[in-house]
Amino acid sequence: MKTRKINKNKVVSWLDEQSELYTKIMEEPVTRGTVLLVNLIAICIIIAAIAAGGALIISAGATLCAGYLVRRLNRRSE
């Protein structure tokens, strides 16, 4: 089985490219990295809301994860 080595520079350049769909929706330039961060934040918040009733540890962890991702998004915007 042949393994493929992922080039970090290719991934970073792909994330920094403009997302056509979200750019049309937002009517301003949006990168794929920003789209990925926003979607991950939404997933963490959904997990926190679902887990709040039964597993407070998971809910707290998901909330902390969402907070960290928001912090990264804010740093990226500056």
C-alpha atoms as a PDB file:
ATOM      1  CA  MET A   1       0.000   0.000   0.000  1.00  0.00           C
ATOM      2  CA  LYS A   2       1.401   3.329  -1.055  1.00  0.00           C
ATOM      3  CA  THR A   3       1.022   6.206   1.374  1.00  0.00           C
ATOM      4  CA  ARG A   4       0.760   9.767   0.205  1.00  0.00           C
ATOM      5  CA  LYS A   5       2.544  12.498   2.054  1.00  0.00           C
ATOM      6  CA  ILE A   6       0.404  15.595   2.388  1.00  0.00           C
ATOM      7  CA  ASN A   7       2.327  18.755   1.732  1.00  0.00           C
ATOM      8  CA  LYS A   8       1.569  21.304   4.468  1.00  0.00           C
ATOM      9  CA  ASN A   9       2.044  24.219   2.081  1.00  0.00           C
ATOM     10  CA  LYS A  10      -0.609  22.842  -0.275  1.00  0.00           C
ATOM     11  CA  VAL A  11      -3.112  22.493   2.565  1.00  0.00           C
ATOM     12  CA  VAL A  12      -2.399  25.987   3.859  1.00  0.00           C
ATOM     13  CA  SER A  13      -2.693  27.508   0.385  1.00  0.00           C
ATOM     14  CA  TRP A  14      -5.968  25.610  -0.200  1.00  0.00           C
ATOM     15  CA  LEU A  15      -7.377  26.937   3.085  1.00  0.00           C
ATOM     16  CA  ASP A  16      -6.350  30.486   2.165  1.00  0.00           C
ATOM     17  CA  GLU A  17      -8.174  30.379  -1.184  1.00  0.00           C
ATOM     18  CA  GLN A  18     -11.482  32.132  -1.560  1.00  0.00           C
ATOM     19  CA  SER A  19     -14.633  30.029  -1.153  1.00  0.00           C
ATOM     20  CA  GLU A  20     -16.886  30.820  -4.113  1.00  0.00           C
ATOM     21  CA  LEU A  21     -20.146  29.653  -2.511  1.00  0.00           C
ATOM     22  CA  TYR A  22     -19.731  31.505   0.778  1.00  0.00           C
ATOM     23  CA  THR A  23     -18.402  34.577  -1.006  1.00  0.00           C
ATOM     24  CA  LYS A  24     -21.622  34.690  -3.044  1.00  0.00           C
ATOM     25  CA  ILE A  25     -23.746  34.157   0.079  1.00  0.00           C
ATOM     26  CA  MET A  26     -21.928  36.771   2.192  1.00  0.00           C
ATOM     27  CA  GLU A  27     -21.261  39.165  -0.710  1.00  0.00           C
ATOM     28  CA  GLU A  28     -17.715  39.691   0.587  1.00  0.00           C
ATOM     29  CA  PRO A  29     -14.529  37.621   0.254  1.00  0.00           C
ATOM     30  CA  VAL A  30     -14.446  34.575   2.554  1.00  0.00           C
ATOM     31  CA  THR A  31     -11.619  32.024   2.706  1.00  0.00           C
ATOM     32  CA  ARG A  32     -12.075  28.284   3.043  1.00  0.00           C
ATOM     33  CA  GLY A  33     -10.249  28.377   6.376  1.00  0.00           C
ATOM     34  CA  THR A  34     -12.780  30.835   7.781  1.00  0.00           C
ATOM     35  CA  VAL A  35     -15.639  28.673   6.516  1.00  0.00           C
ATOM     36  CA  LEU A  36     -14.091  25.623   8.170  1.00  0.00           C
ATOM     37  CA  LEU A  37     -13.679  27.434  11.498  1.00  0.00           C
ATOM     38  CA  VAL A  38     -17.260  28.739  11.492  1.00  0.00           C
ATOM     39  CA  ASN A  39     -18.652  25.285  10.729  1.00  0.00           C
ATOM     40  CA  LEU A  40     -16.529  23.686  13.466  1.00  0.00           C
ATOM     41  CA  ILE A  41     -17.799  26.294  15.937  1.00  0.00           C
ATOM     42  CA  ALA A  42     -21.386  25.435  14.999  1.00  0.00           C
ATOM     43  CA  ILE A  43     -20.725  21.698  15.432  1.00  0.00           C
ATOM     44  CA  CYS A  44     -19.176  22.259  18.880  1.00  0.00           C
ATOM     45  CA  ILE A  45     -22.135  24.376  19.999  1.00  0.00           C
ATOM     46  CA  ILE A  46     -24.602  21.738  18.770  1.00  0.00           C
ATOM     47  CA  ILE A  47     -22.701  18.982  20.619  1.00  0.00           C
ATOM     48  CA  ALA A  48     -22.662  21.115  23.778  1.00  0.00           C
ATOM     49  CA  ALA A  49     -26.423  21.696  23.555  1.00  0.00           C
ATOM     50  CA  ILE A  50     -27.228  18.026  22.972  1.00  0.00           C
ATOM     51  CA  ALA A  51     -24.907  16.801  25.732  1.00  0.00           C
ATOM     52  CA  ALA A  52     -26.036  19.405  28.298  1.00  0.00           C
ATOM     53  CA  GLY A  53     -28.825  17.200  29.598  1.00  0.00           C
ATOM     54  CA  GLY A  54     -26.805  14.081  30.305  1.00  0.00           C
ATOM     55  CA  ALA A  55     -23.054  14.507  30.125  1.00  0.00           C
ATOM     56  CA  LEU A  56     -21.897  17.805  31.542  1.00  0.00           C
ATOM     57  CA  ILE A  57     -18.218  16.959  30.969  1.00  0.00           C
ATOM     58  CA  ILE A  58     -18.802  16.553  27.230  1.00  0.00           C
ATOM     59  CA  SER A  59     -20.898  19.709  27.157  1.00  0.00           C
ATOM     60  CA  ALA A  60     -18.196  21.689  28.960  1.00  0.00           C
ATOM     61  CA  GLY A  61     -15.506  20.317  26.660  1.00  0.00           C
ATOM     62  CA  ALA A  62     -17.490  21.190  23.542  1.00  0.00           C
ATOM     63  CA  THR A  63     -18.128  24.687  24.900  1.00  0.00           C
ATOM     64  CA  LEU A  64     -14.423  25.195  25.584  1.00  0.00           C
ATOM     65  CA  CYS A  65     -13.628  23.918  22.089  1.00  0.00           C
ATOM     66  CA  ALA A  66     -16.099  26.379  20.561  1.00  0.00           C
ATOM     67  CA  GLY A  67     -14.599  29.221  22.612  1.00  0.00           C
ATOM     68  CA  TYR A  68     -11.086  28.351  21.451  1.00  0.00           C
ATOM     69  CA  LEU A  69     -12.197  28.233  17.815  1.00  0.00           C
ATOM     70  CA  VAL A  70     -13.903  31.640  18.153  1.00  0.00           C
ATOM     71  CA  ARG A  71     -10.670  33.010  19.593  1.00  0.00           C
ATOM     72  CA  ARG A  72      -8.730  31.669  16.593  1.00  0.00           C
ATOM     73  CA  LEU A  73     -11.314  33.141  14.228  1.00  0.00           C
ATOM     74  CA  ASN A  74     -11.034  36.556  15.894  1.00  0.00           C
ATOM     75  CA  ARG A  75      -7.224  36.461  15.704  1.00  0.00           C
ATOM     76  CA  ARG A  76      -7.419  35.559  12.030  1.00  0.00           C
ATOM     77  CA  SER A  77      -9.744  38.529  11.360  1.00  0.00           C
ATOM     78  CA  GLU A  78      -7.376  41.085  12.913  1.00  0.00           C
END
